[in-house]
């Protein structure tokens, strides 16, 4: 699956929209992939590790 920076980063609200809109878009695409493959109903959790500036962002 090819994803461009324009797919992940949209103009959003707040001072760091790249830390909100991008991850939300990536999560949506991931969930849509699970649904497409018939795995969403069997998915009970997801563990994600964040790196770089996104990983350095504190809990909201």
N, C-alpha and C. Protein backbone atom coordinates (compact mmCIF):
# COMPACT_ATOMS: atom_id res chain seq x y z
N UNK A 1 0.85 -1.16 0.00
CA UNK A 1 0.00 0.00 0.00
C UNK A 1 0.90 1.23 0.00
N UNK A 2 0.77 2.05 -0.99
CA UNK A 2 1.54 3.28 -1.09
C UNK A 2 0.80 4.41 -0.39
N UNK A 3 1.49 5.11 0.49
CA UNK A 3 0.91 6.23 1.22
C UNK A 3 1.84 7.41 1.06
N UNK A 4 1.31 8.51 0.58
CA UNK A 4 2.14 9.71 0.43
C UNK A 4 2.01 10.60 1.65
N UNK A 5 2.91 11.54 1.77
CA UNK A 5 2.83 12.51 2.86
C UNK A 5 1.54 13.30 2.78
N UNK A 6 1.02 13.50 1.58
CA UNK A 6 -0.23 14.24 1.42
C UNK A 6 -1.42 13.44 1.94
N UNK A 7 -1.31 12.11 1.97
CA UNK A 7 -2.37 11.28 2.53
C UNK A 7 -2.38 11.35 4.05
N UNK A 8 -1.20 11.41 4.65
CA UNK A 8 -1.10 11.39 6.11
C UNK A 8 -1.24 12.76 6.74
N UNK A 9 -0.68 13.77 6.13
CA UNK A 9 -0.65 15.08 6.76
C UNK A 9 -1.63 16.03 6.08
N UNK A 10 -2.67 16.36 6.81
CA UNK A 10 -3.69 17.30 6.34
C UNK A 10 -3.65 18.51 7.26
N UNK A 11 -4.22 19.59 6.82
CA UNK A 11 -4.34 20.77 7.67
C UNK A 11 -5.35 20.45 8.75
N UNK A 12 -4.96 20.66 9.99
CA UNK A 12 -5.85 20.36 11.11
C UNK A 12 -5.82 21.47 12.12
N UNK A 13 -6.62 21.29 13.16
CA UNK A 13 -6.69 22.30 14.21
C UNK A 13 -5.58 22.07 15.21
N UNK A 14 -5.20 23.10 15.89
CA UNK A 14 -4.20 23.01 16.93
C UNK A 14 -2.80 23.33 16.42
N UNK A 15 -1.89 23.55 17.37
CA UNK A 15 -0.54 23.94 17.00
C UNK A 15 0.30 22.79 16.43
N UNK A 16 -0.10 21.55 16.67
CA UNK A 16 0.69 20.43 16.14
C UNK A 16 -0.24 19.44 15.44
N UNK A 17 -0.86 19.89 14.37
CA UNK A 17 -1.81 19.03 13.67
C UNK A 17 -1.13 17.80 13.09
N UNK A 18 0.18 17.86 12.83
CA UNK A 18 0.88 16.67 12.32
C UNK A 18 0.91 15.57 13.37
N UNK A 19 0.76 15.95 14.64
CA UNK A 19 0.75 14.96 15.71
C UNK A 19 -0.67 14.48 16.02
N UNK A 20 -1.67 15.03 15.36
CA UNK A 20 -3.04 14.59 15.59
C UNK A 20 -3.66 14.03 14.32
N UNK A 21 -3.64 14.77 13.25
CA UNK A 21 -4.30 14.35 12.01
C UNK A 21 -3.58 13.16 11.39
N UNK A 22 -2.26 13.19 11.33
CA UNK A 22 -1.50 12.10 10.73
C UNK A 22 -1.75 10.76 11.40
N UNK A 23 -1.60 10.68 12.73
CA UNK A 23 -1.86 9.41 13.41
C UNK A 23 -3.32 8.96 13.29
N UNK A 24 -4.25 9.90 13.32
CA UNK A 24 -5.66 9.52 13.17
C UNK A 24 -5.91 8.94 11.78
N UNK A 25 -5.32 9.53 10.78
CA UNK A 25 -5.47 9.05 9.40
C UNK A 25 -4.83 7.66 9.24
N UNK A 26 -3.64 7.49 9.83
CA UNK A 26 -2.96 6.19 9.76
C UNK A 26 -3.78 5.11 10.47
N UNK A 27 -4.36 5.45 11.63
CA UNK A 27 -5.20 4.50 12.36
C UNK A 27 -6.44 4.12 11.56
N UNK A 28 -7.05 5.10 10.91
CA UNK A 28 -8.22 4.83 10.07
C UNK A 28 -7.86 3.88 8.94
N UNK A 29 -6.75 4.14 8.27
CA UNK A 29 -6.33 3.29 7.16
C UNK A 29 -6.01 1.87 7.65
N UNK A 30 -5.41 1.76 8.83
CA UNK A 30 -5.10 0.45 9.40
C UNK A 30 -6.39 -0.31 9.72
N UNK A 31 -7.35 0.37 10.35
CA UNK A 31 -8.63 -0.26 10.69
C UNK A 31 -9.40 -0.66 9.44
N UNK A 32 -9.36 0.17 8.42
CA UNK A 32 -10.02 -0.17 7.16
C UNK A 32 -9.39 -1.41 6.53
N UNK A 33 -8.08 -1.54 6.65
CA UNK A 33 -7.39 -2.73 6.14
C UNK A 33 -7.80 -3.98 6.90
N UNK A 34 -7.92 -3.86 8.23
CA UNK A 34 -8.40 -5.00 9.03
C UNK A 34 -9.81 -5.39 8.61
N UNK A 35 -10.67 -4.40 8.43
CA UNK A 35 -12.05 -4.68 8.02
C UNK A 35 -12.09 -5.32 6.64
N UNK A 36 -11.30 -4.80 5.72
CA UNK A 36 -11.26 -5.34 4.36
C UNK A 36 -10.82 -6.81 4.36
N UNK A 37 -9.89 -7.14 5.25
CA UNK A 37 -9.37 -8.50 5.31
C UNK A 37 -10.17 -9.41 6.24
N UNK A 38 -11.28 -8.90 6.80
CA UNK A 38 -12.13 -9.70 7.68
C UNK A 38 -11.53 -9.96 9.05
N UNK A 39 -10.63 -9.11 9.50
CA UNK A 39 -9.95 -9.31 10.77
C UNK A 39 -10.39 -8.35 11.87
N UNK A 40 -11.17 -7.34 11.54
CA UNK A 40 -11.52 -6.31 12.51
C UNK A 40 -12.31 -6.87 13.69
N UNK A 41 -13.27 -7.75 13.43
CA UNK A 41 -14.10 -8.31 14.50
C UNK A 41 -13.28 -9.14 15.48
N UNK A 42 -12.19 -9.73 15.02
CA UNK A 42 -11.35 -10.57 15.88
C UNK A 42 -10.22 -9.79 16.54
N UNK A 43 -10.09 -8.52 16.23
CA UNK A 43 -9.01 -7.70 16.79
C UNK A 43 -9.46 -7.13 18.13
N UNK A 44 -8.70 -7.45 19.18
CA UNK A 44 -9.06 -7.01 20.53
C UNK A 44 -8.18 -5.87 21.03
N UNK A 45 -7.09 -5.63 20.36
CA UNK A 45 -6.20 -4.55 20.77
C UNK A 45 -5.07 -4.37 19.77
N UNK A 46 -4.42 -3.24 19.88
CA UNK A 46 -3.29 -2.93 19.01
C UNK A 46 -2.23 -2.26 19.86
N UNK A 47 -1.00 -2.67 19.69
CA UNK A 47 0.12 -2.03 20.39
C UNK A 47 0.94 -1.27 19.36
N UNK A 48 1.22 -0.02 19.65
CA UNK A 48 1.99 0.81 18.72
C UNK A 48 3.16 1.44 19.46
N UNK A 49 4.31 1.49 18.82
CA UNK A 49 5.46 2.19 19.36
C UNK A 49 5.72 3.41 18.49
N UNK A 50 5.84 4.55 19.12
CA UNK A 50 6.03 5.80 18.40
C UNK A 50 7.48 6.26 18.53
N UNK A 51 8.01 6.81 17.45
CA UNK A 51 9.39 7.25 17.41
C UNK A 51 9.47 8.71 17.00
N UNK A 52 10.64 9.27 17.15
CA UNK A 52 10.87 10.65 16.73
C UNK A 52 10.06 11.64 17.53
N UNK A 53 9.69 12.74 16.89
CA UNK A 53 8.98 13.80 17.60
C UNK A 53 7.60 13.34 18.05
N UNK A 54 6.98 12.44 17.31
CA UNK A 54 5.67 11.94 17.74
C UNK A 54 5.81 11.11 19.01
N UNK A 55 6.87 10.32 19.09
CA UNK A 55 7.12 9.52 20.29
C UNK A 55 7.47 10.37 21.49
N UNK A 56 8.03 11.54 21.26
CA UNK A 56 8.42 12.43 22.35
C UNK A 56 7.25 13.27 22.86
N UNK A 57 6.12 13.21 22.17
CA UNK A 57 4.95 13.97 22.58
C UNK A 57 4.33 13.30 23.80
N UNK A 58 3.98 14.07 24.80
CA UNK A 58 3.40 13.53 26.02
C UNK A 58 1.99 13.02 25.82
N UNK A 59 1.49 12.32 26.83
CA UNK A 59 0.13 11.80 26.78
C UNK A 59 -0.85 12.96 26.81
N UNK A 60 -1.93 12.81 26.03
CA UNK A 60 -2.95 13.86 25.95
C UNK A 60 -3.99 13.75 27.01
